[in-house]
N, C-alpha and C. Protein backbone atom coordinates (compact mmCIF):
# COMPACT_ATOMS: atom_id res chain seq x y z
N UNK A 1 12.11 -103.64 -47.87
CA UNK A 1 12.26 -102.44 -47.20
C UNK A 1 13.90 -102.45 -47.26
N UNK A 2 14.09 -101.19 -47.55
CA UNK A 2 15.73 -100.71 -47.66
C UNK A 2 15.93 -100.12 -46.31
N UNK A 3 17.18 -99.71 -46.15
CA UNK A 3 17.76 -99.12 -44.88
C UNK A 3 17.31 -97.83 -44.63
N UNK A 4 17.14 -97.20 -45.77
CA UNK A 4 16.73 -95.62 -45.63
C UNK A 4 15.21 -95.57 -44.96
N UNK A 5 14.35 -96.43 -45.42
CA UNK A 5 13.08 -96.26 -45.07
C UNK A 5 12.82 -96.77 -43.58
N UNK A 6 13.69 -97.62 -43.06
CA UNK A 6 13.48 -98.20 -41.76
C UNK A 6 14.21 -97.16 -40.82
N UNK A 7 15.13 -96.49 -41.07
CA UNK A 7 15.75 -95.37 -40.20
C UNK A 7 14.76 -94.20 -40.13
N UNK A 8 14.02 -93.85 -41.20
CA UNK A 8 13.12 -92.79 -41.11
C UNK A 8 11.85 -92.98 -40.41
N UNK A 9 11.41 -94.16 -39.98
CA UNK A 9 10.17 -94.44 -39.32
C UNK A 9 10.37 -93.78 -37.90
N UNK A 10 9.27 -93.41 -37.40
CA UNK A 10 9.13 -92.69 -36.26
C UNK A 10 9.38 -93.75 -35.16
N UNK A 11 10.18 -93.40 -34.17
CA UNK A 11 10.48 -94.39 -33.04
C UNK A 11 9.30 -94.50 -32.14
N UNK A 12 9.04 -95.66 -31.42
CA UNK A 12 7.99 -95.89 -30.64
C UNK A 12 8.05 -95.11 -29.44
N UNK A 13 6.84 -94.58 -28.90
CA UNK A 13 7.01 -93.59 -27.70
C UNK A 13 6.12 -94.19 -26.57
N UNK A 14 6.44 -93.88 -25.57
CA UNK A 14 5.48 -94.25 -24.26
C UNK A 14 4.55 -93.49 -23.94
N UNK A 15 3.41 -93.95 -23.46
CA UNK A 15 2.38 -93.03 -23.12
C UNK A 15 2.29 -93.01 -21.66
N UNK A 16 2.57 -91.88 -21.03
CA UNK A 16 2.57 -91.85 -19.47
C UNK A 16 1.14 -91.87 -18.92
N UNK A 17 0.18 -91.48 -19.67
CA UNK A 17 -1.03 -91.50 -19.18
C UNK A 17 -1.66 -92.85 -19.01
N UNK A 18 -1.02 -93.83 -19.73
CA UNK A 18 -1.51 -95.30 -19.70
C UNK A 18 -0.79 -95.90 -18.49
N UNK A 19 0.20 -95.28 -17.97
CA UNK A 19 0.87 -95.88 -16.85
C UNK A 19 0.22 -95.56 -15.53
N UNK A 20 -0.36 -94.43 -15.51
CA UNK A 20 -0.93 -93.79 -14.11
C UNK A 20 -2.28 -94.35 -13.66
N UNK A 21 -2.83 -93.65 -12.85
CA UNK A 21 -4.29 -94.03 -12.36
C UNK A 21 -5.12 -93.58 -13.39
N UNK A 22 -6.26 -94.35 -13.64
CA UNK A 22 -7.33 -94.07 -14.66
C UNK A 22 -7.93 -92.56 -14.24
N UNK A 23 -8.18 -91.87 -15.19
CA UNK A 23 -8.82 -90.52 -15.09
C UNK A 23 -10.12 -90.81 -14.97
N UNK A 24 -10.69 -89.72 -14.22
CA UNK A 24 -12.13 -89.83 -13.89
C UNK A 24 -13.01 -89.19 -15.21
N UNK A 25 -13.84 -89.94 -15.62
CA UNK A 25 -14.66 -89.51 -16.81
C UNK A 25 -15.46 -88.22 -16.35
N UNK A 26 -15.32 -87.20 -17.01
CA UNK A 26 -16.16 -86.05 -16.65
C UNK A 26 -17.44 -85.92 -17.50
N UNK A 27 -18.33 -85.69 -16.92
CA UNK A 27 -19.60 -85.62 -17.56
C UNK A 27 -19.65 -84.09 -18.31
N UNK A 28 -20.05 -84.03 -19.56
CA UNK A 28 -20.14 -82.84 -20.23
C UNK A 28 -21.31 -81.95 -19.53
N UNK A 29 -20.69 -80.78 -19.27
CA UNK A 29 -21.80 -79.90 -18.70
C UNK A 29 -22.60 -79.17 -19.91
N UNK A 30 -23.77 -78.92 -19.51
CA UNK A 30 -24.69 -78.41 -20.56
C UNK A 30 -24.22 -76.99 -21.06
N UNK A 31 -24.34 -76.56 -22.16
CA UNK A 31 -24.15 -75.33 -22.52
C UNK A 31 -24.90 -74.24 -21.75
N UNK A 32 -24.19 -73.09 -21.28
CA UNK A 32 -24.95 -72.18 -20.57
C UNK A 32 -26.11 -71.63 -21.35
N UNK A 33 -27.33 -71.29 -20.68
CA UNK A 33 -28.39 -70.72 -21.26
C UNK A 33 -28.27 -69.28 -21.65
N UNK A 34 -29.11 -68.90 -22.37
CA UNK A 34 -29.04 -67.54 -22.91
C UNK A 34 -29.13 -66.39 -21.77
N UNK A 35 -29.90 -66.77 -20.74
CA UNK A 35 -30.17 -66.01 -19.54
C UNK A 35 -28.76 -65.91 -18.85
N UNK A 36 -28.01 -66.86 -18.63
CA UNK A 36 -26.60 -67.00 -17.92
C UNK A 36 -25.70 -66.21 -18.80
N UNK A 37 -25.71 -66.36 -20.06
CA UNK A 37 -24.98 -65.61 -20.98
C UNK A 37 -25.04 -64.17 -20.61
N UNK A 38 -26.31 -63.77 -20.90
CA UNK A 38 -26.61 -62.47 -20.74
C UNK A 38 -26.22 -61.70 -19.45
N UNK A 39 -26.46 -62.52 -18.50
CA UNK A 39 -26.09 -62.07 -17.01
C UNK A 39 -24.50 -62.03 -16.86
N UNK A 40 -23.94 -63.00 -17.42
CA UNK A 40 -22.38 -62.83 -17.46
C UNK A 40 -21.93 -61.71 -18.09
N UNK A 41 -22.57 -61.31 -19.23
CA UNK A 41 -22.00 -60.14 -19.86
C UNK A 41 -22.35 -58.85 -19.24
N UNK A 42 -23.59 -58.82 -18.50
CA UNK A 42 -23.84 -57.62 -17.76
C UNK A 42 -22.97 -57.46 -16.62
N UNK A 43 -22.65 -58.59 -16.03
CA UNK A 43 -21.83 -58.54 -14.90
C UNK A 43 -20.21 -58.05 -15.26
N UNK A 44 -19.84 -58.61 -16.34
CA UNK A 44 -18.61 -58.25 -16.96
C UNK A 44 -18.53 -56.68 -17.17
N UNK A 45 -19.49 -56.24 -17.92
CA UNK A 45 -19.51 -54.82 -18.26
C UNK A 45 -19.77 -54.00 -16.99
N UNK A 46 -20.28 -54.49 -15.90
CA UNK A 46 -20.35 -53.72 -14.55
C UNK A 46 -18.98 -53.82 -13.95
N UNK A 47 -18.40 -54.91 -14.03
CA UNK A 47 -17.12 -54.90 -13.46
C UNK A 47 -16.00 -53.99 -14.23
N UNK A 48 -16.00 -54.02 -15.41
CA UNK A 48 -15.17 -52.93 -16.16
C UNK A 48 -15.62 -51.57 -15.86
N UNK A 49 -16.88 -51.33 -15.73
CA UNK A 49 -17.26 -49.96 -15.50
C UNK A 49 -16.78 -49.51 -14.14
N UNK A 50 -16.79 -50.31 -13.22
CA UNK A 50 -16.39 -49.95 -11.78
C UNK A 50 -15.00 -50.00 -11.69
N UNK A 51 -14.24 -50.90 -12.49
CA UNK A 51 -12.76 -50.67 -12.68
C UNK A 51 -12.30 -49.40 -13.28
N UNK A 52 -13.09 -49.01 -14.32
CA UNK A 52 -12.65 -47.67 -14.94
C UNK A 52 -12.79 -46.69 -13.77
N UNK A 53 -13.74 -46.57 -12.99
CA UNK A 53 -13.97 -45.52 -12.01
C UNK A 53 -12.82 -45.53 -11.06
N UNK A 54 -12.51 -46.81 -10.60
CA UNK A 54 -11.42 -47.04 -9.57
C UNK A 54 -9.98 -46.55 -10.20
N UNK A 55 -9.93 -46.76 -11.39
CA UNK A 55 -8.62 -46.17 -12.10
C UNK A 55 -8.75 -44.78 -12.23
N UNK A 56 -9.71 -44.20 -12.49
CA UNK A 56 -9.88 -42.74 -12.52
C UNK A 56 -9.51 -42.06 -10.94
N UNK A 57 -10.05 -42.74 -10.09
CA UNK A 57 -9.80 -42.16 -8.61
C UNK A 57 -8.20 -42.36 -8.41
N UNK A 58 -7.67 -43.70 -8.64
CA UNK A 58 -6.34 -43.79 -8.57
C UNK A 58 -5.57 -42.87 -9.27
N UNK A 59 -5.84 -42.40 -10.52
CA UNK A 59 -5.18 -41.49 -11.32
C UNK A 59 -5.00 -40.04 -10.55
N UNK A 60 -5.84 -39.84 -9.72
CA UNK A 60 -5.82 -38.60 -8.80
C UNK A 60 -5.05 -38.94 -7.44
N UNK A 61 -5.76 -39.94 -6.81
CA UNK A 61 -5.12 -40.04 -5.38
C UNK A 61 -3.67 -40.70 -5.68
N UNK A 62 -3.48 -41.52 -6.53
CA UNK A 62 -2.04 -42.26 -6.66
C UNK A 62 -1.13 -41.15 -6.75
N UNK A 63 -1.42 -40.18 -7.82
CA UNK A 63 -0.51 -38.89 -8.02
C UNK A 63 -0.19 -38.09 -6.79
N UNK A 64 -1.33 -37.97 -6.11
CA UNK A 64 -1.22 -37.11 -4.73
C UNK A 64 -0.22 -37.91 -3.92
N UNK A 65 -0.17 -39.12 -3.71
CA UNK A 65 0.73 -39.81 -2.83
C UNK A 65 2.24 -40.07 -3.61
N UNK A 66 2.10 -40.23 -4.89
CA UNK A 66 3.43 -40.59 -5.66
C UNK A 66 4.41 -39.51 -5.62
N UNK A 67 3.88 -38.21 -5.80
CA UNK A 67 4.95 -37.20 -5.84
C UNK A 67 5.75 -36.88 -4.62
N UNK A 68 5.00 -36.90 -3.53
CA UNK A 68 5.77 -36.81 -2.22
C UNK A 68 6.64 -38.18 -1.95
N UNK A 69 6.29 -39.22 -2.39
CA UNK A 69 6.93 -40.33 -2.27
C UNK A 69 8.35 -40.41 -3.11
N UNK A 70 8.05 -39.85 -4.25
CA UNK A 70 9.35 -39.73 -5.14
C UNK A 70 10.36 -38.65 -4.57
N UNK A 71 9.82 -37.60 -3.97
CA UNK A 71 10.70 -36.53 -3.27
C UNK A 71 11.38 -37.18 -2.31
N UNK A 72 10.73 -37.91 -1.51
CA UNK A 72 11.48 -38.52 -0.30
C UNK A 72 12.46 -39.67 -0.80
N UNK A 73 12.07 -40.33 -1.71
CA UNK A 73 13.04 -41.38 -2.17
C UNK A 73 14.17 -40.71 -2.86
N UNK A 74 13.93 -39.68 -3.84
CA UNK A 74 15.06 -39.03 -4.33
C UNK A 74 16.12 -38.53 -3.33
N UNK A 75 15.53 -37.76 -2.20
CA UNK A 75 16.31 -37.29 -1.15
C UNK A 75 17.10 -38.31 -0.38
N UNK A 76 16.38 -39.51 -0.07
CA UNK A 76 17.06 -40.51 0.66
C UNK A 76 18.11 -41.12 -0.14
N UNK A 77 17.97 -41.25 -1.47
CA UNK A 77 19.01 -41.87 -2.42
C UNK A 77 20.20 -40.83 -2.48
N UNK A 78 19.97 -39.52 -2.51
CA UNK A 78 21.01 -38.71 -2.62
C UNK A 78 21.82 -38.68 -1.67
N UNK A 79 21.32 -38.57 -0.30
CA UNK A 79 21.94 -38.62 0.93
C UNK A 79 22.74 -40.02 1.26
N UNK A 80 22.11 -41.13 0.60
CA UNK A 80 22.91 -42.37 0.86
C UNK A 80 24.03 -42.52 -0.19
N UNK A 81 23.65 -41.75 -1.43
CA UNK A 81 24.77 -41.87 -2.35
C UNK A 81 26.05 -41.11 -1.91
N UNK A 82 25.86 -39.97 -1.22
CA UNK A 82 26.96 -39.21 -0.72
C UNK A 82 27.64 -39.98 0.42
N UNK A 83 26.77 -40.51 1.35
CA UNK A 83 27.36 -41.29 2.35
C UNK A 83 28.21 -42.67 1.89
N UNK A 84 27.54 -43.26 0.80
CA UNK A 84 28.17 -44.35 0.15
C UNK A 84 29.43 -44.20 -0.38
N UNK A 85 29.61 -43.04 -1.11
CA UNK A 85 30.87 -42.61 -1.68
C UNK A 85 32.04 -42.22 -0.76
N UNK A 86 31.59 -41.73 0.50
CA UNK A 86 32.62 -41.45 1.47
C UNK A 86 33.14 -42.69 2.07
N UNK A 87 32.23 -43.89 2.32
CA UNK A 87 32.56 -45.13 2.78
C UNK A 87 32.99 -46.13 1.70
N UNK A 88 33.05 -45.76 0.44
CA UNK A 88 33.43 -46.62 -0.79
C UNK A 88 32.50 -47.86 -0.96
N UNK A 89 31.20 -47.56 -0.80
CA UNK A 89 30.25 -48.63 -1.03
C UNK A 89 29.30 -48.10 -1.95
N UNK A 90 28.18 -49.07 -2.31
CA UNK A 90 27.03 -48.69 -3.08
C UNK A 90 25.85 -48.58 -2.44
N UNK A 91 24.96 -47.60 -2.70
CA UNK A 91 23.83 -47.50 -1.89
C UNK A 91 22.74 -48.38 -2.66
N UNK A 92 22.74 -49.60 -2.40
CA UNK A 92 21.84 -50.50 -3.02
C UNK A 92 20.46 -50.46 -2.45
N UNK A 93 20.35 -50.21 -1.10
CA UNK A 93 19.05 -50.43 -0.46
C UNK A 93 18.33 -48.99 -0.96
N UNK A 94 18.99 -47.80 -0.89
CA UNK A 94 18.39 -46.48 -1.32
C UNK A 94 17.90 -46.64 -2.81
N UNK A 95 18.82 -47.44 -3.57
CA UNK A 95 18.50 -47.57 -5.06
C UNK A 95 17.22 -48.30 -5.28
N UNK A 96 16.99 -49.39 -4.43
CA UNK A 96 15.82 -50.30 -4.45
C UNK A 96 14.58 -49.52 -3.92
N UNK A 97 14.80 -48.52 -2.99
CA UNK A 97 13.59 -47.65 -2.57
C UNK A 97 13.14 -46.79 -3.66
N UNK A 98 14.27 -46.20 -4.30
CA UNK A 98 13.95 -45.39 -5.45
C UNK A 98 13.32 -45.97 -6.62
N UNK A 99 13.81 -47.10 -6.97
CA UNK A 99 13.04 -47.80 -8.10
C UNK A 99 11.63 -48.20 -7.86
N UNK A 100 11.44 -48.54 -6.51
CA UNK A 100 10.03 -49.07 -5.98
C UNK A 100 9.14 -47.60 -6.05
N UNK A 101 9.73 -46.51 -5.72
CA UNK A 101 8.87 -45.34 -5.67
C UNK A 101 8.70 -44.80 -7.09
N UNK A 102 9.55 -44.98 -7.99
CA UNK A 102 9.30 -44.68 -9.49
C UNK A 102 8.17 -45.57 -9.91
N UNK A 103 8.11 -46.72 -9.66
CA UNK A 103 7.08 -47.67 -10.17
C UNK A 103 5.78 -47.60 -9.24
N UNK A 104 5.60 -46.90 -8.45
CA UNK A 104 4.62 -46.87 -7.31
C UNK A 104 3.16 -46.70 -8.19
N UNK A 105 3.29 -45.39 -9.01
CA UNK A 105 2.04 -44.84 -9.72
C UNK A 105 1.63 -45.91 -10.91
N UNK A 106 2.48 -46.37 -11.62
CA UNK A 106 2.15 -47.28 -12.81
C UNK A 106 1.78 -48.46 -12.13
N UNK A 107 2.30 -49.08 -11.01
CA UNK A 107 2.06 -50.36 -10.29
C UNK A 107 0.55 -50.25 -9.79
N UNK A 108 0.07 -49.21 -9.32
CA UNK A 108 -1.33 -49.19 -8.86
C UNK A 108 -2.24 -49.51 -9.97
N UNK A 109 -1.97 -49.01 -11.23
CA UNK A 109 -2.79 -49.28 -12.36
C UNK A 109 -2.74 -50.59 -12.69
N UNK A 110 -1.56 -51.36 -12.77
CA UNK A 110 -1.16 -52.66 -13.11
C UNK A 110 -1.94 -53.64 -12.13
N UNK A 111 -1.66 -53.38 -10.77
CA UNK A 111 -2.30 -54.22 -9.80
C UNK A 111 -3.87 -54.23 -9.85
N UNK A 112 -4.40 -53.06 -9.96
CA UNK A 112 -5.90 -52.95 -10.15
C UNK A 112 -6.49 -53.68 -11.25
N UNK A 113 -5.84 -53.72 -12.32
CA UNK A 113 -6.41 -54.27 -13.56
C UNK A 113 -5.99 -55.81 -13.32
N UNK A 114 -4.97 -56.21 -13.01
CA UNK A 114 -4.61 -57.61 -12.82
C UNK A 114 -5.56 -58.24 -11.81
N UNK A 115 -5.58 -57.60 -10.60
CA UNK A 115 -6.38 -58.54 -9.63
C UNK A 115 -7.81 -58.58 -10.23
N UNK A 116 -8.48 -57.55 -10.78
CA UNK A 116 -9.89 -57.49 -11.11
C UNK A 116 -10.05 -58.48 -12.35
N UNK A 117 -9.16 -58.49 -13.17
CA UNK A 117 -9.52 -59.29 -14.41
C UNK A 117 -9.06 -60.66 -14.29
N UNK A 118 -8.03 -61.07 -13.69
CA UNK A 118 -7.45 -62.37 -13.70
C UNK A 118 -8.27 -63.19 -12.58
N UNK A 119 -8.30 -64.39 -12.97
CA UNK A 119 -8.94 -65.34 -11.85
C UNK A 119 -7.95 -65.93 -11.06
N UNK A 120 -6.66 -65.96 -11.53
CA UNK A 120 -5.61 -66.91 -10.78
C UNK A 120 -4.57 -65.95 -10.19
N UNK A 121 -4.86 -64.75 -9.68
CA UNK A 121 -3.94 -64.05 -9.02
C UNK A 121 -3.34 -64.74 -7.89
N UNK A 122 -2.02 -64.76 -7.74
CA UNK A 122 -1.49 -65.27 -6.40
C UNK A 122 -1.74 -64.57 -5.16
N UNK A 123 -1.86 -65.11 -4.00
CA UNK A 123 -2.01 -64.24 -2.80
C UNK A 123 -0.81 -63.56 -2.62
N UNK A 124 -0.84 -62.36 -1.91
CA UNK A 124 0.04 -61.63 -1.48
C UNK A 124 0.66 -62.14 -0.17
N UNK A 125 1.96 -62.56 -0.15
CA UNK A 125 2.64 -63.19 0.87
C UNK A 125 3.23 -62.27 1.87
N UNK A 126 3.24 -60.94 1.52
CA UNK A 126 3.98 -60.04 2.17
C UNK A 126 3.27 -59.79 3.58
N UNK A 127 4.15 -59.34 4.61
CA UNK A 127 3.57 -58.96 5.85
C UNK A 127 2.85 -57.70 5.73
N UNK A 128 1.84 -57.34 6.39
CA UNK A 128 1.22 -55.98 6.32
C UNK A 128 2.27 -55.04 7.05
N UNK A 129 2.25 -53.84 6.36
CA UNK A 129 3.06 -52.73 6.94
C UNK A 129 2.48 -52.11 8.26
N UNK A 130 1.29 -52.33 8.32
CA UNK A 130 0.65 -51.74 9.62
C UNK A 130 0.08 -50.33 9.35
N UNK A 131 -0.83 -49.97 10.13
CA UNK A 131 -1.60 -48.58 10.08
C UNK A 131 -0.67 -47.42 10.34
N UNK A 132 0.42 -47.63 10.86
CA UNK A 132 1.40 -46.63 11.05
C UNK A 132 1.91 -46.08 9.92
N UNK A 133 2.32 -47.00 8.89
CA UNK A 133 2.72 -46.73 7.72
C UNK A 133 1.82 -45.95 6.95
N UNK A 134 0.59 -46.32 6.82
CA UNK A 134 -0.41 -45.48 5.99
C UNK A 134 -0.54 -44.12 6.82
N UNK A 135 -0.50 -43.99 7.98
CA UNK A 135 -0.61 -42.57 8.65
C UNK A 135 0.52 -41.86 8.35
N UNK A 136 1.80 -42.43 8.31
CA UNK A 136 3.05 -41.66 8.09
C UNK A 136 2.80 -41.13 6.35
N UNK A 137 2.32 -42.09 5.43
CA UNK A 137 2.31 -41.65 4.09
C UNK A 137 1.28 -40.57 3.88
N UNK A 138 0.18 -40.49 4.56
CA UNK A 138 -0.91 -39.52 4.46
C UNK A 138 -0.16 -38.26 5.04
N UNK A 139 0.29 -38.32 6.29
CA UNK A 139 0.95 -37.13 6.88
C UNK A 139 1.96 -36.53 5.89
N UNK A 140 2.88 -37.36 5.45
CA UNK A 140 3.99 -36.77 4.46
C UNK A 140 3.48 -36.14 3.24
N UNK A 141 2.34 -36.87 2.59
CA UNK A 141 1.60 -36.28 1.42
C UNK A 141 1.09 -34.84 1.80
N UNK A 142 0.46 -34.86 2.80
CA UNK A 142 -0.19 -33.78 3.44
C UNK A 142 0.69 -32.48 3.54
N UNK A 143 1.97 -32.88 4.23
CA UNK A 143 2.95 -31.79 4.47
C UNK A 143 3.53 -31.40 3.34
N UNK A 144 3.86 -32.18 2.18
CA UNK A 144 4.49 -31.71 0.97
C UNK A 144 3.40 -31.00 0.23
N UNK A 145 2.26 -31.40 0.19
CA UNK A 145 1.38 -30.47 -0.67
C UNK A 145 0.94 -29.10 -0.04
N UNK A 146 1.06 -29.19 1.24
CA UNK A 146 0.80 -28.03 2.08
C UNK A 146 1.92 -26.95 1.75
N UNK A 147 3.10 -27.41 1.89
CA UNK A 147 4.22 -26.56 1.59
C UNK A 147 4.41 -26.28 0.11
N UNK A 148 3.90 -27.00 -0.87
CA UNK A 148 3.76 -26.71 -2.27
C UNK A 148 2.82 -25.44 -2.32
N UNK A 149 1.74 -25.69 -1.74
CA UNK A 149 0.60 -24.55 -2.03
C UNK A 149 0.87 -23.35 -1.27
N UNK A 150 1.60 -23.48 -0.13
CA UNK A 150 1.88 -22.40 0.43
C UNK A 150 3.08 -21.61 -0.26
N UNK A 151 4.05 -22.33 -0.80
CA UNK A 151 5.04 -21.65 -1.70
C UNK A 151 4.40 -20.99 -2.97
N UNK A 152 3.48 -21.62 -3.65
CA UNK A 152 2.79 -20.76 -4.74
C UNK A 152 1.79 -19.87 -4.43
N UNK A 153 1.56 -19.75 -3.19
CA UNK A 153 0.65 -18.69 -2.64
C UNK A 153 -0.86 -19.06 -2.79
N UNK A 154 -1.21 -20.28 -2.87
CA UNK A 154 -2.72 -20.66 -2.86
C UNK A 154 -3.12 -20.74 -1.45
N UNK A 155 -2.26 -20.85 -0.43
CA UNK A 155 -2.61 -21.01 0.95
C UNK A 155 -1.79 -19.77 1.68
N UNK A 156 -2.73 -19.08 2.59
CA UNK A 156 -2.05 -17.80 3.14
C UNK A 156 -1.82 -18.20 4.75
N UNK A 157 -2.34 -19.35 5.07
CA UNK A 157 -2.34 -19.56 6.61
C UNK A 157 -1.16 -20.33 6.98
N UNK A 158 -0.77 -20.23 8.23
CA UNK A 158 0.41 -21.16 8.80
C UNK A 158 -0.19 -22.29 9.40
N UNK A 159 0.64 -23.33 9.57
CA UNK A 159 0.16 -24.58 10.16
C UNK A 159 -0.48 -24.44 11.59
N UNK A 160 -0.01 -23.34 12.37
CA UNK A 160 -0.53 -22.99 13.58
C UNK A 160 -2.06 -22.59 13.49
N UNK A 161 -2.20 -21.61 12.44
CA UNK A 161 -3.57 -21.16 12.09
C UNK A 161 -4.50 -22.37 11.72
N UNK A 162 -4.00 -23.35 10.90
CA UNK A 162 -4.78 -24.50 10.65
C UNK A 162 -5.06 -25.46 11.86
N UNK A 163 -4.32 -25.42 12.83
CA UNK A 163 -4.50 -26.22 13.99
C UNK A 163 -5.50 -25.56 14.79
N UNK A 164 -5.40 -24.29 15.03
CA UNK A 164 -6.47 -23.48 15.81
C UNK A 164 -7.73 -23.57 15.16
N UNK A 165 -7.69 -23.55 13.90
CA UNK A 165 -9.16 -23.72 13.14
C UNK A 165 -9.64 -25.05 13.36
N UNK A 166 -8.90 -26.13 13.36
CA UNK A 166 -9.32 -27.63 13.46
C UNK A 166 -9.79 -27.78 15.07
N UNK A 167 -9.02 -27.23 15.95
CA UNK A 167 -9.29 -27.34 17.37
C UNK A 167 -10.64 -26.70 17.65
N UNK A 168 -10.99 -25.40 16.94
CA UNK A 168 -12.01 -24.57 17.23
C UNK A 168 -13.34 -25.21 16.68
N UNK A 169 -13.26 -26.18 15.92
CA UNK A 169 -14.48 -26.80 15.39
C UNK A 169 -15.28 -27.39 16.44
N UNK A 170 -16.62 -27.17 16.61
CA UNK A 170 -17.44 -27.62 17.71
C UNK A 170 -17.72 -29.19 17.43
N UNK A 171 -16.61 -30.23 17.74
CA UNK A 171 -16.84 -31.64 17.52
C UNK A 171 -17.94 -32.19 18.27
N UNK A 172 -17.89 -31.78 19.45
CA UNK A 172 -18.92 -32.31 20.39
C UNK A 172 -20.43 -32.18 19.93
N UNK A 173 -20.72 -31.00 19.35
CA UNK A 173 -22.09 -30.78 18.87
C UNK A 173 -22.18 -31.39 17.72
N UNK A 174 -21.17 -31.53 16.90
CA UNK A 174 -21.28 -32.20 15.57
C UNK A 174 -21.70 -33.62 15.68
N UNK A 175 -21.06 -34.26 16.56
CA UNK A 175 -21.27 -35.60 16.78
C UNK A 175 -22.06 -35.94 17.97
N UNK A 176 -22.88 -35.07 18.59
CA UNK A 176 -23.83 -35.20 19.66
C UNK A 176 -24.68 -36.41 19.64
N UNK A 177 -25.34 -36.71 18.63
CA UNK A 177 -26.16 -37.74 18.40
C UNK A 177 -25.39 -39.01 18.58
N UNK A 178 -24.28 -39.23 18.13
CA UNK A 178 -23.43 -40.45 18.18
C UNK A 178 -23.00 -40.67 19.53
N UNK A 179 -22.51 -39.56 20.14
CA UNK A 179 -21.95 -39.73 21.54
C UNK A 179 -23.18 -39.84 22.52
N UNK A 180 -24.30 -39.46 22.26
CA UNK A 180 -25.51 -39.84 23.15
C UNK A 180 -25.79 -41.51 23.02
N UNK A 181 -25.73 -41.78 21.75
CA UNK A 181 -26.05 -43.18 21.50
C UNK A 181 -25.18 -44.06 22.36
N UNK A 182 -23.88 -43.77 22.43
CA UNK A 182 -22.98 -44.54 23.29
C UNK A 182 -22.97 -44.12 24.69
N UNK A 183 -23.71 -43.12 25.11
CA UNK A 183 -23.82 -42.62 26.49
C UNK A 183 -22.52 -41.84 26.92
N UNK A 184 -22.00 -41.20 26.08
CA UNK A 184 -20.80 -40.45 26.33
C UNK A 184 -21.22 -38.91 26.55
């Protein structure tokens, strides 16, 4: 052997598997039967079908909430920008809120597909916002859309007329059976 062939030989390597605990020998699982394969395909098709319906609902409902959320975030950012310029600062928190608002609609699609199709989705570690946040968002969206429809002329009634209409509904008669069930 000459010097060139001995330097080109592969160096010895250590196998870390041989240094650790012996691995358990796994038994081979039998191949799934034809019935199991067919059932899995049906369940997968059903899952994708339901996901498609959910995405269609999100396309409408998400847009209903997204547009008022964008308006509020833009207004908040504009006011924060003016205030920050007078104070010689940067409106970083308002910018973060604006970025989150812009990504809200797309994020709904991404999260829905990711959570349904992936098996290893990490758990959400954020604290829940509470029911008051949802109530506020519904109220805000309803207010924005009401004002928009009032502005374009699709709605002719004032908020006071809507309130009188809502109060005038005979709620007790409508839910009489439920109220009697609970003894009220």
